[in-house]
């Protein structure tokens, strides 16, 4: 009977160690994901600011290039990558 108790105690300790290892691994993963989220959010804001500098809200429709179609209903327009590289 005493051997059974020791076996159960050993199994419980092993399960606790396994749970602790998994919890630490998940905590590290959550930290990496949180850091990635904030980095992406910062980059998104930076890119939005760059796009607004390159192509601000259309105050004067005549100021837009002749080859660019006019916006009719959408709030965003296609911005070619070549215009961002200039």
PDB file of N, CA and C in Angstrom:
ATOM      1  N   UNK A   1       0.823  -1.193   0.000  1.00  0.00           N
ATOM      2  CA  UNK A   1       0.000   0.000   0.000  1.00  0.00           C
ATOM      3  C   UNK A   1       0.866   1.256   0.000  1.00  0.00           C
ATOM      4  N   UNK A   2       1.968   1.191   0.709  1.00  0.00           N
ATOM      5  CA  UNK A   2       2.862   2.340   0.774  1.00  0.00           C
ATOM      6  C   UNK A   2       3.509   2.595  -0.577  1.00  0.00           C
ATOM      7  N   UNK A   3       3.778   1.540  -1.333  1.00  0.00           N
ATOM      8  CA  UNK A   3       4.371   1.687  -2.659  1.00  0.00           C
ATOM      9  C   UNK A   3       3.410   2.403  -3.598  1.00  0.00           C
ATOM     10  N   UNK A   4       2.133   2.092  -3.491  1.00  0.00           N
ATOM     11  CA  UNK A   4       1.126   2.749  -4.323  1.00  0.00           C
ATOM     12  C   UNK A   4       1.078   4.245  -4.031  1.00  0.00           C
ATOM     13  N   UNK A   5       1.170   4.613  -2.764  1.00  0.00           N
ATOM     14  CA  UNK A   5       1.164   6.034  -2.398  1.00  0.00           C
ATOM     15  C   UNK A   5       2.390   6.744  -2.971  1.00  0.00           C
ATOM     16  N   UNK A   6       3.546   6.094  -2.916  1.00  0.00           N
ATOM     17  CA  UNK A   6       4.760   6.707  -3.463  1.00  0.00           C
ATOM     18  C   UNK A   6       4.668   6.840  -4.983  1.00  0.00           C
ATOM     19  N   UNK A   7       4.082   5.856  -5.625  1.00  0.00           N
ATOM     20  CA  UNK A   7       3.892   5.937  -7.074  1.00  0.00           C
ATOM     21  C   UNK A   7       2.955   7.090  -7.437  1.00  0.00           C
ATOM     22  N   UNK A   8       1.877   7.226  -6.698  1.00  0.00           N
ATOM     23  CA  UNK A   8       0.942   8.329  -6.952  1.00  0.00           C
ATOM     24  C   UNK A   8       1.595   9.679  -6.674  1.00  0.00           C
ATOM     25  N   UNK A   9       2.405   9.743  -5.620  1.00  0.00           N
ATOM     26  CA  UNK A   9       3.112  10.985  -5.305  1.00  0.00           C
ATOM     27  C   UNK A   9       4.098  11.329  -6.409  1.00  0.00           C
ATOM     28  N   UNK A  10       4.836  10.343  -6.874  1.00  0.00           N
ATOM     29  CA  UNK A  10       5.786  10.562  -7.968  1.00  0.00           C
ATOM     30  C   UNK A  10       5.084  11.005  -9.244  1.00  0.00           C
ATOM     31  N   UNK A  11       3.953  10.381  -9.553  1.00  0.00           N
ATOM     32  CA  UNK A  11       3.196  10.762 -10.745  1.00  0.00           C
ATOM     33  C   UNK A  11       2.672  12.190 -10.615  1.00  0.00           C
ATOM     34  N   UNK A  12       2.224  12.554  -9.418  1.00  0.00           N
ATOM     35  CA  UNK A  12       1.728  13.915  -9.202  1.00  0.00           C
ATOM     36  C   UNK A  12       2.853  14.934  -9.345  1.00  0.00           C
ATOM     37  N   UNK A  13       4.034  14.600  -8.829  1.00  0.00           N
ATOM     38  CA  UNK A  13       5.179  15.514  -8.955  1.00  0.00           C
ATOM     39  C   UNK A  13       5.570  15.656 -10.426  1.00  0.00           C
ATOM     40  N   UNK A  14       5.605  14.550 -11.159  1.00  0.00           N
ATOM     41  CA  UNK A  14       5.925  14.613 -12.584  1.00  0.00           C
ATOM     42  C   UNK A  14       4.892  15.442 -13.351  1.00  0.00           C
ATOM     43  N   UNK A  15       3.628  15.263 -13.024  1.00  0.00           N
ATOM     44  CA  UNK A  15       2.583  16.049 -13.688  1.00  0.00           C
ATOM     45  C   UNK A  15       2.734  17.533 -13.360  1.00  0.00           C
ATOM     46  N   UNK A  16       3.087  17.840 -12.117  1.00  0.00           N
ATOM     47  CA  UNK A  16       3.272  19.242 -11.728  1.00  0.00           C
ATOM     48  C   UNK A  16       4.462  19.857 -12.448  1.00  0.00           C
ATOM     49  N   UNK A  17       5.552  19.107 -12.569  1.00  0.00           N
ATOM     50  CA  UNK A  17       6.734  19.610 -13.276  1.00  0.00           C
ATOM     51  C   UNK A  17       6.407  19.823 -14.751  1.00  0.00           C
ATOM     52  N   UNK A  18       5.687  18.876 -15.351  1.00  0.00           N
ATOM     53  CA  UNK A  18       5.308  19.019 -16.759  1.00  0.00           C
ATOM     54  C   UNK A  18       4.408  20.241 -16.950  1.00  0.00           C
ATOM     55  N   UNK A  19       3.478  20.458 -16.041  1.00  0.00           N
ATOM     56  CA  UNK A  19       2.596  21.626 -16.139  1.00  0.00           C
ATOM     57  C   UNK A  19       3.381  22.919 -15.973  1.00  0.00           C
ATOM     58  N   UNK A  20       4.360  22.922 -15.076  1.00  0.00           N
ATOM     59  CA  UNK A  20       5.185  24.115 -14.870  1.00  0.00           C
ATOM     60  C   UNK A  20       6.009  24.432 -16.112  1.00  0.00           C
ATOM     61  N   UNK A  21       6.584  23.398 -16.728  1.00  0.00           N
ATOM     62  CA  UNK A  21       7.373  23.599 -17.949  1.00  0.00           C
ATOM     63  C   UNK A  21       6.486  24.142 -19.063  1.00  0.00           C
ATOM     64  N   UNK A  22       5.306  23.573 -19.213  1.00  0.00           N
ATOM     65  CA  UNK A  22       4.392  24.036 -20.256  1.00  0.00           C
ATOM     66  C   UNK A  22       3.934  25.463 -19.988  1.00  0.00           C
ATOM     67  N   UNK A  23       3.662  25.794 -18.734  1.00  0.00           N
ATOM     68  CA  UNK A  23       3.234  27.153 -18.397  1.00  0.00           C
ATOM     69  C   UNK A  23       4.337  28.164 -18.695  1.00  0.00           C
ATOM     70  N   UNK A  24       5.574  27.826 -18.389  1.00  0.00           N
ATOM     71  CA  UNK A  24       6.694  28.737 -18.697  1.00  0.00           C
ATOM     72  C   UNK A  24       6.850  28.921 -20.199  1.00  0.00           C
ATOM     73  N   UNK A  25       6.730  27.842 -20.953  1.00  0.00           N
ATOM     74  CA  UNK A  25       6.845  27.915 -22.410  1.00  0.00           C
ATOM     75  C   UNK A  25       5.728  28.788 -22.986  1.00  0.00           C
ATOM     76  N   UNK A  26       4.518  28.607 -22.484  1.00  0.00           N
ATOM     77  CA  UNK A  26       3.397  29.419 -22.959  1.00  0.00           C
ATOM     78  C   UNK A  26       3.552  30.885 -22.565  1.00  0.00           C
ATOM     79  N   UNK A  27       4.115  31.138 -21.393  1.00  0.00           N
ATOM     80  CA  UNK A  27       4.337  32.524 -20.976  1.00  0.00           C
ATOM     81  C   UNK A  27       5.347  33.211 -21.894  1.00  0.00           C
ATOM     82  N   UNK A  28       6.400  32.490 -22.273  1.00  0.00           N
ATOM     83  CA  UNK A  28       7.387  33.060 -23.206  1.00  0.00           C
ATOM     84  C   UNK A  28       6.756  33.313 -24.568  1.00  0.00           C
ATOM     85  N   UNK A  29       5.932  32.380 -25.014  1.00  0.00           N
ATOM     86  CA  UNK A  29       5.269  32.555 -26.314  1.00  0.00           C
ATOM     87  C   UNK A  29       4.315  33.742 -26.272  1.00  0.00           C
ATOM     88  N   UNK A  30       3.578  33.879 -25.192  1.00  0.00           N
ATOM     89  CA  UNK A  30       2.673  35.015 -25.052  1.00  0.00           C
ATOM     90  C   UNK A  30       3.442  36.324 -25.050  1.00  0.00           C
ATOM     91  N   UNK A  31       4.591  36.344 -24.396  1.00  0.00           N
ATOM     92  CA  UNK A  31       5.420  37.551 -24.381  1.00  0.00           C
ATOM     93  C   UNK A  31       5.894  37.906 -25.790  1.00  0.00           C
ATOM     94  N   UNK A  32       6.328  36.896 -26.552  1.00  0.00           N
ATOM     95  CA  UNK A  32       6.760  37.152 -27.937  1.00  0.00           C
ATOM     96  C   UNK A  32       5.602  37.648 -28.794  1.00  0.00           C
ATOM     97  N   UNK A  33       4.433  37.033 -28.641  1.00  0.00           N
ATOM     98  CA  UNK A  33       3.271  37.457 -29.419  1.00  0.00           C
ATOM     99  C   UNK A  33       2.839  38.872 -29.064  1.00  0.00           C
ATOM    100  N   UNK A  34       2.885  39.208 -27.786  1.00  0.00           N
ATOM    101  CA  UNK A  34       2.523  40.560 -27.366  1.00  0.00           C
ATOM    102  C   UNK A  34       3.497  41.572 -27.936  1.00  0.00           C
ATOM    103  N   UNK A  35       4.783  41.251 -27.898  1.00  0.00           N
ATOM    104  CA  UNK A  35       5.790  42.150 -28.462  1.00  0.00           C
ATOM    105  C   UNK A  35       5.583  42.322 -29.965  1.00  0.00           C
ATOM    106  N   UNK A  36       5.299  41.219 -30.657  1.00  0.00           N
ATOM    107  CA  UNK A  36       5.052  41.296 -32.099  1.00  0.00           C
ATOM    108  C   UNK A  36       3.819  42.137 -32.396  1.00  0.00           C
ATOM    109  N   UNK A  37       2.783  41.993 -31.584  1.00  0.00           N
ATOM    110  CA  UNK A  37       1.562  42.773 -31.778  1.00  0.00           C
ATOM    111  C   UNK A  37       1.857  44.264 -31.695  1.00  0.00           C
ATOM    112  N   UNK A  38       2.576  44.674 -30.667  1.00  0.00           N
ATOM    113  CA  UNK A  38       2.856  46.103 -30.509  1.00  0.00           C
ATOM    114  C   UNK A  38       3.798  46.619 -31.585  1.00  0.00           C
ATOM    115  N   UNK A  39       4.755  45.784 -32.023  1.00  0.00           N
ATOM    116  CA  UNK A  39       5.634  46.196 -33.125  1.00  0.00           C
ATOM    117  C   UNK A  39       4.836  46.394 -34.409  1.00  0.00           C
ATOM    118  N   UNK A  40       3.940  45.448 -34.700  1.00  0.00           N
ATOM    119  CA  UNK A  40       3.123  45.571 -35.906  1.00  0.00           C
ATOM    120  C   UNK A  40       2.185  46.769 -35.827  1.00  0.00           C
ATOM    121  N   UNK A  41       1.660  47.017 -34.654  1.00  0.00           N
ATOM    122  CA  UNK A  41       0.772  48.172 -34.502  1.00  0.00           C
ATOM    123  C   UNK A  41       1.540  49.476 -34.718  1.00  0.00           C
ATOM    124  N   UNK A  42       2.765  49.539 -34.216  1.00  0.00           N
ATOM    125  CA  UNK A  42       3.602  50.722 -34.420  1.00  0.00           C
ATOM    126  C   UNK A  42       3.925  50.890 -35.903  1.00  0.00           C
ATOM    127  N   UNK A  43       4.326  49.782 -36.562  1.00  0.00           N
ATOM    128  CA  UNK A  43       4.646  49.852 -37.989  1.00  0.00           C
ATOM    129  C   UNK A  43       3.427  50.255 -38.809  1.00  0.00           C
ATOM    130  N   UNK A  44       2.256  49.771 -38.423  1.00  0.00           N
ATOM    131  CA  UNK A  44       1.030  50.135 -39.139  1.00  0.00           C
ATOM    132  C   UNK A  44       0.786  51.635 -39.042  1.00  0.00           C
ATOM    133  N   UNK A  45       0.986  52.195 -37.874  1.00  0.00           N
ATOM    134  CA  UNK A  45       0.829  53.639 -37.714  1.00  0.00           C
ATOM    135  C   UNK A  45       1.849  54.413 -38.531  1.00  0.00           C
ATOM    136  N   UNK A  46       3.090  53.920 -38.559  1.00  0.00           N
ATOM    137  CA  UNK A  46       4.124  54.584 -39.352  1.00  0.00           C
ATOM    138  C   UNK A  46       3.788  54.540 -40.839  1.00  0.00           C
ATOM    139  N   UNK A  47       3.345  53.384 -41.313  1.00  0.00           N
ATOM    140  CA  UNK A  47       3.001  53.257 -42.727  1.00  0.00           C
ATOM    141  C   UNK A  47       1.782  54.102 -43.082  1.00  0.00           C
ATOM    142  N   UNK A  48       0.809  54.170 -42.183  1.00  0.00           N
ATOM    143  CA  UNK A  48      -0.361  55.013 -42.443  1.00  0.00           C
ATOM    144  C   UNK A  48       0.055  56.474 -42.547  1.00  0.00           C
ATOM    145  N   UNK A  49       0.975  56.898 -41.690  1.00  0.00           N
ATOM    146  CA  UNK A  49       1.458  58.280 -41.754  1.00  0.00           C
ATOM    147  C   UNK A  49       2.204  58.527 -43.059  1.00  0.00           C
ATOM    148  N   UNK A  50       3.010  57.547 -43.500  1.00  0.00           N
ATOM    149  CA  UNK A  50       3.726  57.710 -44.773  1.00  0.00           C
ATOM    150  C   UNK A  50       2.759  57.804 -45.942  1.00  0.00           C
ATOM    151  N   UNK A  51       1.732  56.960 -45.933  1.00  0.00           N
ATOM    152  CA  UNK A  51       0.751  56.996 -47.019  1.00  0.00           C
ATOM    153  C   UNK A  51       0.012  58.322 -47.012  1.00  0.00           C
ATOM    154  N   UNK A  52      -0.327  58.823 -45.840  1.00  0.00           N
ATOM    155  CA  UNK A  52      -1.027  60.109 -45.773  1.00  0.00           C
ATOM    156  C   UNK A  52      -0.140  61.247 -46.254  1.00  0.00           C
ATOM    157  N   UNK A  53       1.177  61.136 -46.038  1.00  0.00           N
ATOM    158  CA  UNK A  53       2.079  62.166 -46.556  1.00  0.00           C
ATOM    159  C   UNK A  53       2.173  62.090 -48.071  1.00  0.00           C
ATOM    160  N   UNK A  54       2.227  60.869 -48.607  1.00  0.00           N
ATOM    161  CA  UNK A  54       2.353  60.691 -50.053  1.00  0.00           C
ATOM    162  C   UNK A  54       1.041  61.011 -50.756  1.00  0.00           C
ATOM    163  N   UNK A  55      -0.056  60.534 -50.206  1.00  0.00           N
ATOM    164  CA  UNK A  55      -1.366  60.710 -50.834  1.00  0.00           C
ATOM    165  C   UNK A  55      -2.360  61.191 -49.780  1.00  0.00           C
ATOM    166  N   UNK A  56      -2.358  62.501 -49.465  1.00  0.00           N
ATOM    167  CA  UNK A  56      -3.292  62.993 -48.450  1.00  0.00           C
ATOM    168  C   UNK A  56      -4.729  62.910 -48.953  1.00  0.00           C
ATOM    169  N   UNK A  57      -5.649  63.172 -48.061  1.00  0.00           N
ATOM    170  CA  UNK A  57      -7.060  63.173 -48.437  1.00  0.00           C
ATOM    171  C   UNK A  57      -7.259  64.138 -49.595  1.00  0.00           C
ATOM    172  N   UNK A  58      -8.037  63.760 -50.600  1.00  0.00           N
ATOM    173  CA  UNK A  58      -8.172  64.612 -51.790  1.00  0.00           C
ATOM    174  C   UNK A  58      -8.907  65.919 -51.494  1.00  0.00           C
ATOM    175  N   UNK A  59      -8.127  66.986 -51.247  1.00  0.00           N
ATOM    176  CA  UNK A  59      -8.724  68.301 -51.027  1.00  0.00           C
ATOM    177  C   UNK A  59      -9.096  68.927 -52.360  1.00  0.00           C
ATOM    178  N   UNK A  60      -8.231  68.766 -53.351  1.00  0.00           N
ATOM    179  CA  UNK A  60      -8.499  69.288 -54.687  1.00  0.00           C
ATOM    180  C   UNK A  60      -8.398  68.133 -55.676  1.00  0.00           C
ATOM    181  N   UNK A  61      -9.516  67.687 -56.263  1.00  0.00           N
ATOM    182  CA  UNK A  61      -9.461  66.553 -57.180  1.00  0.00           C
ATOM    183  C   UNK A  61      -8.620  66.831 -58.420  1.00  0.00           C
ATOM    184  N   UNK A  62      -8.458  68.087 -58.820  1.00  0.00           N
ATOM    185  CA  UNK A  62      -7.663  68.403 -60.001  1.00  0.00           C
ATOM    186  C   UNK A  62      -6.176  68.212 -59.728  1.00  0.00           C
ATOM    187  N   UNK A  63      -5.776  68.212 -58.461  1.00  0.00           N
ATOM    188  CA  UNK A  63      -4.368  68.058 -58.117  1.00  0.00           C
ATOM    189  C   UNK A  63      -3.888  66.626 -58.334  1.00  0.00           C
ATOM    190  N   UNK A  64      -4.804  65.677 -58.392  1.00  0.00           N
ATOM    191  CA  UNK A  64      -4.426  64.282 -58.618  1.00  0.00           C
ATOM    192  C   UNK A  64      -3.965  64.110 -60.054  1.00  0.00           C
ATOM    193  N   UNK A  65      -3.113  63.105 -60.267  1.00  0.00           N
ATOM    194  CA  UNK A  65      -2.588  62.862 -61.604  1.00  0.00           C
ATOM    195  C   UNK A  65      -3.691  62.475 -62.574  1.00  0.00           C
ATOM    196  N   UNK A  66      -3.485  62.736 -63.857  1.00  0.00           N
ATOM    197  CA  UNK A  66      -4.489  62.428 -64.866  1.00  0.00           C
ATOM    198  C   UNK A  66      -4.636  60.921 -65.056  1.00  0.00           C
ATOM    199  N   UNK A  67      -3.574  60.156 -64.761  1.00  0.00           N
ATOM    200  CA  UNK A  67      -3.647  58.713 -64.950  1.00  0.00           C
ATOM    201  C   UNK A  67      -4.301  57.999 -63.768  1.00  0.00           C
ATOM    202  N   UNK A  68      -4.554  58.703 -62.673  1.00  0.00           N
ATOM    203  CA  UNK A  68      -5.172  58.097 -61.499  1.00  0.00           C
ATOM    204  C   UNK A  68      -6.686  58.244 -61.590  1.00  0.00           C
ATOM    205  N   UNK A  69      -7.456  57.169 -61.424  1.00  0.00           N
ATOM    206  CA  UNK A  69      -8.918  57.291 -61.454  1.00  0.00           C
ATOM    207  C   UNK A  69      -9.418  58.039 -60.221  1.00  0.00           C
ATOM    208  N   UNK A  70     -10.534  58.706 -60.368  1.00  0.00           N
ATOM    209  CA  UNK A  70     -11.119  59.474 -59.273  1.00  0.00           C
ATOM    210  C   UNK A  70     -11.804  58.527 -58.290  1.00  0.00           C
ATOM    211  N   UNK A  71     -11.754  58.871 -57.026  1.00  0.00           N
ATOM    212  CA  UNK A  71     -12.439  58.103 -55.996  1.00  0.00           C
ATOM    213  C   UNK A  71     -13.909  58.480 -56.018  1.00  0.00           C
ATOM    214  N   UNK A  72     -14.766  57.474 -55.988  1.00  0.00           N
ATOM    215  CA  UNK A  72     -16.188  57.781 -55.999  1.00  0.00           C
ATOM    216  C   UNK A  72     -16.835  57.462 -54.663  1.00  0.00           C
ATOM    217  N   UNK A  73     -16.544  56.313 -54.097  1.00  0.00           N
ATOM    218  CA  UNK A  73     -17.230  55.974 -52.864  1.00  0.00           C
ATOM    219  C   UNK A  73     -16.319  55.462 -51.769  1.00  0.00           C
ATOM    220  N   UNK A  74     -15.139  54.980 -52.124  1.00  0.00           N
ATOM    221  CA  UNK A  74     -14.260  54.389 -51.129  1.00  0.00           C
ATOM    222  C   UNK A  74     -13.460  55.427 -50.376  1.00  0.00           C
ATOM    223  N   UNK A  75     -13.051  55.064 -49.179  1.00  0.00           N
ATOM    224  CA  UNK A  75     -12.256  55.980 -48.364  1.00  0.00           C
ATOM    225  C   UNK A  75     -10.766  55.783 -48.606  1.00  0.00           C
ATOM    226  N   UNK A  76     -10.383  54.644 -49.167  1.00  0.00           N
ATOM    227  CA  UNK A  76      -8.970  54.393 -49.421  1.00  0.00           C
ATOM    228  C   UNK A  76      -8.767  54.170 -50.909  1.00  0.00           C
ATOM    229  N   UNK A  77      -7.579  54.427 -51.372  1.00  0.00           N
ATOM    230  CA  UNK A  77      -7.264  54.263 -52.785  1.00  0.00           C
ATOM    231  C   UNK A  77      -6.042  53.374 -52.923  1.00  0.00           C
ATOM    232  N   UNK A  78      -5.858  52.837 -54.097  1.00  0.00           N
ATOM    233  CA  UNK A  78      -4.687  52.027 -54.392  1.00  0.00           C
ATOM    234  C   UNK A  78      -3.473  52.939 -54.485  1.00  0.00           C
ATOM    235  N   UNK A  79      -2.417  52.580 -53.762  1.00  0.00           N
ATOM    236  CA  UNK A  79      -1.179  53.352 -53.813  1.00  0.00           C
ATOM    237  C   UNK A  79      -0.108  52.443 -54.392  1.00  0.00           C
ATOM    238  N   UNK A  80       0.385  52.735 -55.607  1.00  0.00           N
ATOM    239  CA  UNK A  80       1.417  51.874 -56.177  1.00  0.00           C
ATOM    240  C   UNK A  80       2.710  51.982 -55.384  1.00  0.00           C
ATOM    241  N   UNK A  81       3.410  50.863 -55.260  1.00  0.00           N
ATOM    242  CA  UNK A  81       4.644  50.844 -54.486  1.00  0.00           C
ATOM    243  C   UNK A  81       5.713  51.726 -55.104  1.00  0.00           C
ATOM    244  N   UNK A  82       5.677  51.903 -56.417  1.00  0.00           N
ATOM    245  CA  UNK A  82       6.695  52.735 -57.056  1.00  0.00           C
ATOM    246  C   UNK A  82       6.593  54.185 -56.594  1.00  0.00           C
ATOM    247  N   UNK A  83       5.393  54.634 -56.248  1.00  0.00           N
ATOM    248  CA  UNK A  83       5.262  56.013 -55.772  1.00  0.00           C
ATOM    249  C   UNK A  83       5.812  56.166 -54.355  1.00  0.00           C
ATOM    250  N   UNK A  84       5.826  55.083 -53.579  1.00  0.00           N
ATOM    251  CA  UNK A  84       6.372  55.156 -52.225  1.00  0.00           C
ATOM    252  C   UNK A  84       7.891  55.134 -52.235  1.00  0.00           C
ATOM    253  N   UNK A  85       8.498  54.575 -53.271  1.00  0.00           N
ATOM    254  CA  UNK A  85       9.953  54.464 -53.334  1.00  0.00           C
ATOM    255  C   UNK A  85      10.615  55.774 -53.733  1.00  0.00           C
ATOM    256  N   UNK A  86       9.850  56.693 -54.306  1.00  0.00           N
ATOM    257  CA  UNK A  86      10.435  57.966 -54.756  1.00  0.00           C
ATOM    258  C   UNK A  86      10.860  58.822 -53.626  1.00  0.00           C
TER     259      UNK A  86
END
